[in-house]
Protein backbone atom coordinates (compact mmCIF):
# COMPACT_ATOMS: atom_id res chain seq x y z
CA MET A 1 90.49 107.71 107.01
CA SER A 2 88.51 110.88 107.70
CA ALA A 3 86.02 113.31 106.24
CA HIS A 4 84.73 116.84 106.80
CA ASN A 5 81.48 118.15 108.21
CA GLY A 6 79.85 121.41 107.20
CA ARG A 7 82.04 123.42 109.59
CA GLY A 8 85.29 121.99 108.20
CA ASP A 9 85.96 119.79 111.24
CA VAL A 10 87.77 116.51 110.72
CA ILE A 11 85.56 113.51 111.44
CA PRO A 12 87.08 110.00 111.57
CA PHE A 13 85.60 107.41 109.23
CA PRO A 14 83.99 104.42 110.96
CA ASP A 15 85.95 101.22 110.78
CA ARG A 16 84.34 99.39 107.90
CA GLN A 17 85.91 96.11 108.98
CA LYS A 18 83.23 95.92 111.74
CA LEU A 19 80.47 94.56 109.60
CA GLU A 20 77.65 94.71 112.14
CA VAL A 21 76.70 97.06 114.93
CA ARG A 22 74.87 95.13 117.64
CA ARG A 23 71.90 96.46 119.51
CA GLN A 24 72.40 98.05 122.90
CA GLY A 25 71.01 96.13 125.90
CA GLY A 26 68.60 97.42 128.51
CA GLY A 27 66.09 98.99 126.17
CA GLY A 28 68.49 101.63 124.82
CA ALA A 29 68.25 103.00 121.32
CA SER A 30 69.72 100.79 118.61
CA LYS A 31 72.51 101.95 116.31
CA PRO A 32 72.20 101.85 112.53
CA ASP A 33 72.59 98.43 110.91
CA ASN A 34 75.86 98.48 108.95
CA ARG A 35 75.90 94.86 107.87
CA ILE A 36 77.48 93.92 104.55
CA VAL A 37 75.19 92.59 101.85
CA ILE A 38 76.61 90.49 99.01
CA ARG A 39 74.74 91.47 95.88
CA GLU A 40 74.97 90.58 92.22
CA TYR A 41 77.43 92.47 90.04
CA ASP A 42 76.45 95.94 88.92
CA HIS A 43 74.72 94.96 85.68
CA ILE A 44 74.63 98.54 84.44
CA ILE A 45 78.44 98.79 84.46
CA PHE A 46 78.68 95.44 82.69
CA ILE A 47 76.12 96.33 80.01
CA CYS A 48 77.68 99.74 79.31
CA THR A 49 81.14 98.18 79.03
CA VAL A 50 79.94 95.50 76.60
CA LEU A 51 78.15 98.15 74.50
CA LEU A 52 81.30 100.28 74.32
CA VAL A 53 83.41 97.27 73.34
CA GLY A 54 80.89 96.39 70.63
CA ILE A 55 80.89 99.95 69.29
CA GLY A 56 84.68 99.89 69.40
CA LEU A 57 84.91 96.71 67.33
CA VAL A 58 82.62 98.14 64.66
CA MET A 59 84.44 101.47 64.56
CA VAL A 60 87.92 99.89 64.49
CA LEU A 61 86.83 97.88 61.46
CA SER A 62 85.46 101.02 59.80
CA ALA A 63 88.32 103.37 60.73
CA SER A 64 91.11 100.92 59.84
CA TYR A 65 89.72 99.76 56.50
CA TYR A 66 92.03 101.82 54.28
CA SER A 67 95.10 101.37 56.47
CA ALA A 68 94.59 97.61 56.46
CA LEU A 69 94.49 97.52 52.66
CA HIS A 70 98.30 97.75 52.65
CA SER A 71 98.54 94.33 54.31
CA GLY A 72 96.02 92.77 51.97
CA ASN A 73 93.72 91.89 54.89
CA VAL A 74 91.06 94.49 55.65
CA TYR A 75 90.16 92.60 58.84
CA GLU A 76 93.68 92.74 60.30
CA TYR A 77 93.01 95.42 62.94
CA PHE A 78 89.53 94.12 63.65
CA THR A 79 90.82 90.60 64.26
CA MET A 80 93.51 91.74 66.70
CA GLN A 81 91.00 93.95 68.50
CA ALA A 82 88.53 91.08 68.75
CA ILE A 83 91.23 88.84 70.24
CA GLY A 84 92.05 91.54 72.81
CA ALA A 85 88.35 91.91 73.63
CA GLY A 86 88.04 88.16 74.06
CA LEU A 87 90.98 88.07 76.45
CA GLY A 88 89.53 91.07 78.25
CA LEU A 89 86.18 89.32 78.65
CA VAL A 90 87.90 86.33 80.27
CA GLY A 91 89.92 88.67 82.50
CA MET A 92 86.80 90.62 83.44
CA PHE A 93 84.88 87.54 84.56
CA PHE A 94 87.90 86.24 86.48
CA ALA A 95 88.50 89.58 88.23
CA ALA A 96 84.81 89.90 89.04
CA THR A 97 84.63 86.42 90.55
CA ILE A 98 87.71 86.17 92.73
CA ASN A 99 87.65 88.23 95.94
CA TYR A 100 89.50 91.50 95.38
CA LYS A 101 91.16 91.14 98.77
CA LEU A 102 92.88 88.00 97.48
CA VAL A 103 94.04 89.88 94.37
CA SER A 104 95.42 92.66 96.54
CA LYS A 105 97.70 90.22 98.34
CA PHE A 106 99.80 90.05 95.18
CA SER A 107 99.80 93.82 94.68
CA THR A 108 103.44 94.28 95.73
CA ILE A 109 104.72 91.61 93.32
CA PHE A 110 102.47 92.97 90.56
CA TYR A 111 103.65 96.54 91.19
CA TRP A 112 107.38 95.83 91.07
CA ALA A 113 107.06 93.42 88.14
CA SER A 114 105.32 96.14 86.14
CA ASN A 115 108.13 98.56 86.99
CA VAL A 116 110.71 96.05 85.78
CA LEU A 117 108.77 95.77 82.52
CA LEU A 118 108.80 99.55 82.19
CA VAL A 119 112.60 99.59 82.57
CA TYR A 120 112.90 96.86 79.94
CA THR A 121 110.59 98.82 77.63
CA ALA A 122 112.59 102.04 78.02
CA LEU A 123 115.84 100.20 77.21
CA PHE A 124 114.82 97.61 74.63
CA GLY A 125 111.26 98.45 73.59
CA ILE A 126 110.02 99.16 70.09
CA GLU A 127 110.78 102.78 69.19
CA PHE A 128 108.09 104.75 67.37
CA GLN A 129 108.33 108.50 66.79
CA GLY A 130 111.03 108.78 69.44
CA ALA A 131 109.03 106.98 72.16
CA ARG A 132 109.40 103.46 73.55
CA ARG A 133 106.04 102.14 74.72
CA TRP A 134 105.88 98.65 73.29
CA VAL A 135 107.76 95.39 73.71
CA SER A 136 107.47 92.28 71.58
CA PHE A 137 107.13 88.78 73.00
CA GLY A 138 106.90 85.96 70.50
CA GLY A 139 105.95 88.33 67.72
CA VAL A 140 103.11 89.86 69.77
CA ASN A 141 103.39 93.54 70.70
CA PHE A 142 102.55 94.40 74.28
CA GLN A 143 102.30 97.71 76.17
CA PRO A 144 103.46 97.30 79.81
CA SER A 145 102.29 100.78 80.86
CA GLU A 146 98.67 99.60 80.59
CA LEU A 147 99.35 96.99 83.28
CA THR A 148 101.12 99.61 85.37
CA LYS A 149 97.92 101.63 85.77
CA VAL A 150 96.13 98.74 87.49
CA ALA A 151 99.26 97.78 89.44
CA VAL A 152 99.54 101.32 90.85
CA ILE A 153 95.85 101.37 91.85
CA LEU A 154 96.16 98.11 93.77
CA MET A 155 99.48 99.04 95.37
CA LEU A 156 98.34 102.46 96.58
CA ALA A 157 95.04 101.10 97.91
CA VAL A 158 96.80 98.33 99.84
CA TYR A 159 99.48 100.73 101.13
CA LEU A 160 96.91 103.06 102.68
CA ASN A 161 94.64 100.25 103.86
CA ARG A 162 97.41 98.53 105.84
CA ASP A 163 97.92 101.59 108.02
CA ARG A 164 95.30 104.32 107.73
CA ASN A 165 97.38 106.67 109.83
CA ARG A 166 99.96 106.92 107.04
CA VAL A 167 98.13 109.85 105.51
CA ASN A 168 98.71 111.81 108.74
CA THR A 169 102.48 111.30 108.92
CA VAL A 170 105.25 112.80 106.83
CA LYS A 171 106.92 109.41 106.43
CA GLY A 172 103.69 107.78 105.28
CA VAL A 173 102.90 110.47 102.72
CA LEU A 174 106.47 110.45 101.38
CA GLY A 175 106.24 106.68 100.96
CA TYR A 176 102.99 107.10 99.07
CA ILE A 177 104.50 109.79 96.83
CA ALA A 178 107.49 107.53 96.10
CA LEU A 179 105.22 104.63 95.11
CA THR A 180 103.41 106.97 92.74
CA LEU A 181 106.41 108.73 91.22
CA ILE A 182 108.56 105.63 90.54
CA PRO A 183 106.30 104.35 87.71
CA VAL A 184 105.66 107.94 86.59
CA ALA A 185 109.40 108.48 86.13
CA LEU A 186 109.76 105.17 84.28
CA VAL A 187 106.98 105.88 81.77
CA MET A 188 108.41 109.37 81.25
CA TRP A 189 111.75 107.69 80.53
CA GLY A 190 110.00 105.96 77.65
CA ARG A 191 108.49 109.33 76.64
CA ASN A 192 104.93 108.39 77.55
CA LEU A 193 103.56 111.63 78.98
CA SER A 194 99.90 110.70 78.71
CA THR A 195 100.27 107.61 80.91
CA ALA A 196 102.28 109.66 83.41
CA ILE A 197 99.38 112.13 83.65
CA ILE A 198 96.92 109.30 84.29
CA LEU A 199 99.12 107.77 87.01
CA LEU A 200 99.45 111.15 88.71
CA ALA A 201 95.67 111.63 88.57
CA ILE A 202 95.11 108.19 90.09
CA GLY A 203 97.61 108.88 92.86
CA PHE A 204 96.07 112.28 93.57
CA VAL A 205 92.48 111.01 93.80
CA ILE A 206 93.29 108.02 96.01
CA LEU A 207 95.32 110.12 98.44
CA PHE A 208 92.66 112.85 98.38
CA LEU A 209 89.99 110.34 99.43
CA ALA A 210 92.17 109.02 102.23
CA SER A 211 93.37 112.36 103.58
CA PRO A 212 91.61 114.95 105.76
CA TYR A 213 93.60 117.86 104.34
CA PHE A 214 91.18 119.16 101.71
CA TRP A 215 92.62 122.63 101.08
CA ARG A 216 96.18 121.34 100.93
CA PHE A 217 95.17 119.15 97.99
CA ILE A 218 93.53 122.06 96.22
CA ALA A 219 96.75 124.06 96.63
CA VAL A 220 98.90 121.16 95.40
CA ALA A 221 96.65 120.63 92.35
CA ALA A 222 96.81 124.34 91.44
CA ALA A 223 100.60 124.32 91.84
CA ALA A 224 100.94 121.16 89.70
CA ILE A 225 98.84 122.60 86.87
CA SER A 226 100.80 125.86 86.96
CA ALA A 227 104.09 123.97 86.92
CA ALA A 228 102.96 121.88 83.93
CA ILE A 229 101.98 124.97 81.94
CA GLY A 230 105.29 126.60 82.85
CA PHE A 231 107.18 123.50 81.72
CA PHE A 232 105.53 123.53 78.29
CA ILE A 233 106.25 127.22 77.81
CA ILE A 234 109.90 126.86 78.84
CA ASP A 235 110.25 123.75 76.68
CA TYR A 236 108.99 125.70 73.67
CA GLN A 237 110.76 129.02 74.25
CA PHE A 238 114.19 127.84 75.42
CA LEU A 239 114.59 124.09 74.87
CA GLY A 240 112.96 123.69 71.49
CA GLY A 241 111.15 120.54 72.65
CA PHE A 242 108.25 118.98 70.77
CA ARG A 243 105.95 119.08 73.82
CA GLY A 244 106.28 122.83 74.08
CA SER A 245 105.68 123.13 70.34
CA ARG A 246 102.52 121.08 70.66
CA PHE A 247 101.34 123.30 73.47
CA MET A 248 101.87 126.48 71.46
CA VAL A 249 100.34 125.04 68.27
CA TRP A 250 97.32 123.92 70.31
CA GLN A 251 96.29 127.58 70.56
CA ASP A 252 96.23 127.85 66.76
CA PRO A 253 96.60 124.54 64.86
CA PHE A 254 96.49 126.36 61.52
CA SER A 255 99.75 128.14 62.38
CA ASP A 256 101.54 124.86 61.54
CA PRO A 257 99.12 123.03 59.21
CA SER A 258 101.67 120.58 57.82
CA GLY A 259 103.48 119.95 61.12
CA PHE A 260 102.24 119.67 64.70
CA GLY A 261 98.85 121.08 63.77
CA PHE A 262 98.14 118.61 60.95
CA GLN A 263 96.51 115.83 62.98
CA THR A 264 94.37 118.23 64.98
CA ILE A 265 93.19 120.02 61.85
CA GLN A 266 92.17 116.75 60.19
CA SER A 267 90.35 115.72 63.36
CA LEU A 268 88.41 119.00 63.41
CA PHE A 269 87.52 118.54 59.74
CA ALA A 270 86.11 115.10 60.56
CA ILE A 271 84.03 116.45 63.45
CA ALA A 272 82.76 119.41 61.43
CA SER A 273 81.68 117.22 58.50
CA GLY A 274 79.80 114.79 60.75
CA GLY A 275 77.00 117.14 61.64
CA LEU A 276 74.17 115.92 63.83
CA PHE A 277 73.74 112.38 62.47
CA GLY A 278 76.96 111.84 60.50
CA ARG A 279 77.83 110.72 57.00
CA GLY A 280 76.81 107.15 57.74
CA LEU A 281 78.72 104.14 59.04
CA GLY A 282 81.76 103.46 56.84
CA ASN A 283 81.50 106.72 54.90
CA SER A 284 84.23 108.74 56.61
CA MET A 285 86.47 110.72 54.28
CA GLN A 286 89.17 111.59 56.83
CA LYS A 287 90.09 107.95 57.44
CA ARG A 288 91.19 107.73 53.80
CA TYR A 289 94.83 108.56 54.60
CA TYR A 290 94.03 112.09 55.82
CA LEU A 291 93.74 111.59 59.59
CA PRO A 292 96.75 109.74 61.07
CA GLU A 293 95.98 107.06 63.70
CA ALA A 294 92.31 107.08 62.75
CA GLN A 295 91.69 103.71 64.43
CA ASN A 296 93.81 104.56 67.46
CA ASP A 297 93.86 107.79 69.45
CA PHE A 298 91.61 109.74 67.05
CA ILE A 299 88.85 107.20 66.58
CA PHE A 300 86.36 109.47 68.36
CA ALA A 301 86.66 111.92 65.46
CA ILE A 302 85.70 109.12 63.05
CA ILE A 303 82.76 108.20 65.29
CA ILE A 304 81.41 111.74 65.05
CA GLU A 305 82.09 111.96 61.32
CA GLU A 306 80.22 108.72 60.60
CA LEU A 307 77.60 108.72 63.38
CA GLY A 308 77.36 112.44 64.06
CA LEU A 309 77.12 114.30 67.34
CA PHE A 310 74.25 111.97 68.22
CA GLY A 311 76.50 108.89 68.01
CA GLY A 312 79.34 110.62 69.83
CA GLY A 313 76.90 111.72 72.53
CA ILE A 314 75.75 108.13 73.08
CA VAL A 315 79.36 107.02 73.53
CA LEU A 316 79.99 109.77 76.08
CA LEU A 317 76.74 108.94 77.86
CA LEU A 318 77.84 105.30 78.26
CA PHE A 319 81.14 106.46 79.75
CA ALA A 320 79.31 108.86 82.08
CA ILE A 321 77.10 106.02 83.32
CA ILE A 322 80.15 103.84 84.06
CA VAL A 323 81.79 106.69 85.99
CA TRP A 324 78.56 107.32 87.92
CA ARG A 325 78.05 103.66 88.81
CA GLY A 326 81.74 103.25 89.62
CA THR A 327 81.57 106.20 92.00
CA LYS A 328 78.46 104.74 93.59
CA ALA A 329 80.14 101.35 94.03
CA ALA A 330 83.13 103.04 95.68
CA MET A 331 80.98 105.01 98.12
CA ALA A 332 78.98 101.92 99.12
CA SER A 333 81.97 99.57 99.35
CA ARG A 334 82.34 97.43 102.46
CA ASP A 335 85.84 98.62 103.37
CA THR A 336 88.47 101.25 102.68
CA MET A 337 90.43 99.10 100.25
CA GLY A 338 87.37 98.47 98.11
CA LEU A 339 86.60 102.20 98.11
CA LEU A 340 90.11 103.11 96.95
CA ILE A 341 90.29 100.37 94.29
CA ALA A 342 86.93 101.34 92.81
CA ALA A 343 87.80 105.04 92.94
CA GLY A 344 91.16 104.41 91.27
CA ILE A 345 89.65 102.39 88.42
CA THR A 346 86.86 104.93 87.90
CA THR A 347 89.43 107.73 87.85
CA MET A 348 91.57 105.86 85.32
CA ILE A 349 88.62 105.48 82.94
CA ALA A 350 87.31 109.03 83.43
CA VAL A 351 90.68 110.77 83.00
CA GLN A 352 91.49 108.75 79.90
CA VAL A 353 88.17 109.65 78.30
CA ILE A 354 88.57 113.34 79.19
CA ILE A 355 92.09 113.52 77.75
CA ASN A 356 91.25 111.59 74.58
CA VAL A 357 88.11 113.58 73.78
CA GLY A 358 89.87 116.80 74.78
CA VAL A 359 92.71 116.12 72.35
CA VAL A 360 90.39 115.09 69.50
CA THR A 361 88.31 118.25 69.89
CA ASN A 362 91.39 120.45 70.55
CA PHE A 363 90.31 121.44 74.05
CA ILE A 364 93.73 120.32 75.33
CA PRO A 365 97.14 119.94 73.62
CA ASN A 366 97.79 116.84 71.54
CA THR A 367 99.03 113.83 73.49
CA GLY A 368 98.57 110.23 72.47
CA ILE A 369 96.12 108.24 74.59
CA PRO A 370 93.53 105.63 73.56
CA LEU A 371 89.79 105.94 74.14
CA PRO A 372 88.95 103.13 76.61
CA PHE A 373 87.25 100.04 75.14
CA ILE A 374 87.09 101.65 71.68
CA SER A 375 90.53 102.64 70.33
CA TYR A 376 92.57 99.96 68.62
CA GLY A 377 94.98 98.22 70.97
CA GLY A 378 94.79 94.67 72.30
CA THR A 379 96.68 95.44 75.51
CA SER A 380 94.53 98.46 76.32
CA ILE A 381 91.17 96.78 75.83
CA ALA A 382 92.19 93.59 77.66
CA VAL A 383 93.54 95.46 80.69
CA MET A 384 90.63 97.92 80.78
CA MET A 385 88.05 95.13 80.73
CA THR A 386 89.90 93.27 83.47
CA ALA A 387 89.96 96.46 85.55
CA VAL A 388 86.19 96.74 85.08
CA GLY A 389 86.00 93.20 86.44
CA LEU A 390 87.63 94.44 89.66
CA LEU A 391 85.12 97.29 89.74
CA LEU A 392 82.28 94.78 89.39
CA ASN A 393 83.86 92.75 92.19
CA VAL A 394 83.81 95.72 94.56
CA SER A 395 80.20 96.48 93.58
CA ARG A 396 79.12 93.09 94.97
CA TYR A 397 80.01 93.90 98.57
CA GLN A 398 78.02 96.84 99.90
CA ARG A 399 77.04 98.23 103.26
CA THR A 400 73.32 98.37 103.97
CA ASN A 401 73.48 102.12 104.64
């Protein structure tokens, strides 16, 4: 591990495994005290997470009301979301209690098991709109890619923590890239581009924090973004793919109002009609069969329509606080592994929020991804809350300075 000073020189990180620096004998100056203090969990992260889950339960009930009428049970989506939140609460307390170093010992098994599940999903999963993201076990639908996000974070953190010199060798970096791209390729096989983007972002941030080569990462990021834009343009112009079409329609949704632009247009209508304080809870018009997936990926549009920009701003503020506290927990962590785990989880939450809100407001092309803790999805909320438990776990063990 290393960092940079103001002149761009590479400075090695201190070994955080040495928990205490002893005083020098013979009257010499003492070194800073780097002892580890075990604190309580970060209550701010916990409170913000619980508030977001509570808002999500209320909004899922509101946004899904008309869709649930078809089943004869208006509480169908709410009930499933509440069960997922309950499981997530149990997972969060468990992950926050057990030492994260013990959890990391099973990272290899967890990583490869999640990859096997991705293969099974791509071959035998439930197909919806040409994509395979779900599998059914005992009548319960489950999304393995949600587990993969946490599995990748743990695996990459452990991989770099076992040998910190790996970031300075070609073999080590290639191994890291392989561990990142294997699940990326598998989720792309199931046509899950949004999860692939999140996995790439997690891999990039973790390696960036562990590597001294700052400008190389900037160059790689610029090249990756350029390549992605080029792919969408080629896909649209020459291959006739739906991703390229979405990219082109993103520039003007009204050019295809009944096709790829329909969902975005309805989302913008919802946001525009919300105003500053909204129509009132439960009074959305767009959820009445106008906006597809109102309780899922586009629930943020319903939040703004019913609670206004004020309500949407509160939701974003809660997410911003979690990202801030997560970053703080990572920087103060007792060791490299804790830093990378906390940074990976914080990145996962932040990138998912950015993509979801960006899609809903048409700042980025349409791609399906849930809003953490809020969008309908039992697997998503359970895994996200458990991941927050790991973040709380890391926040307990901090260096004194």
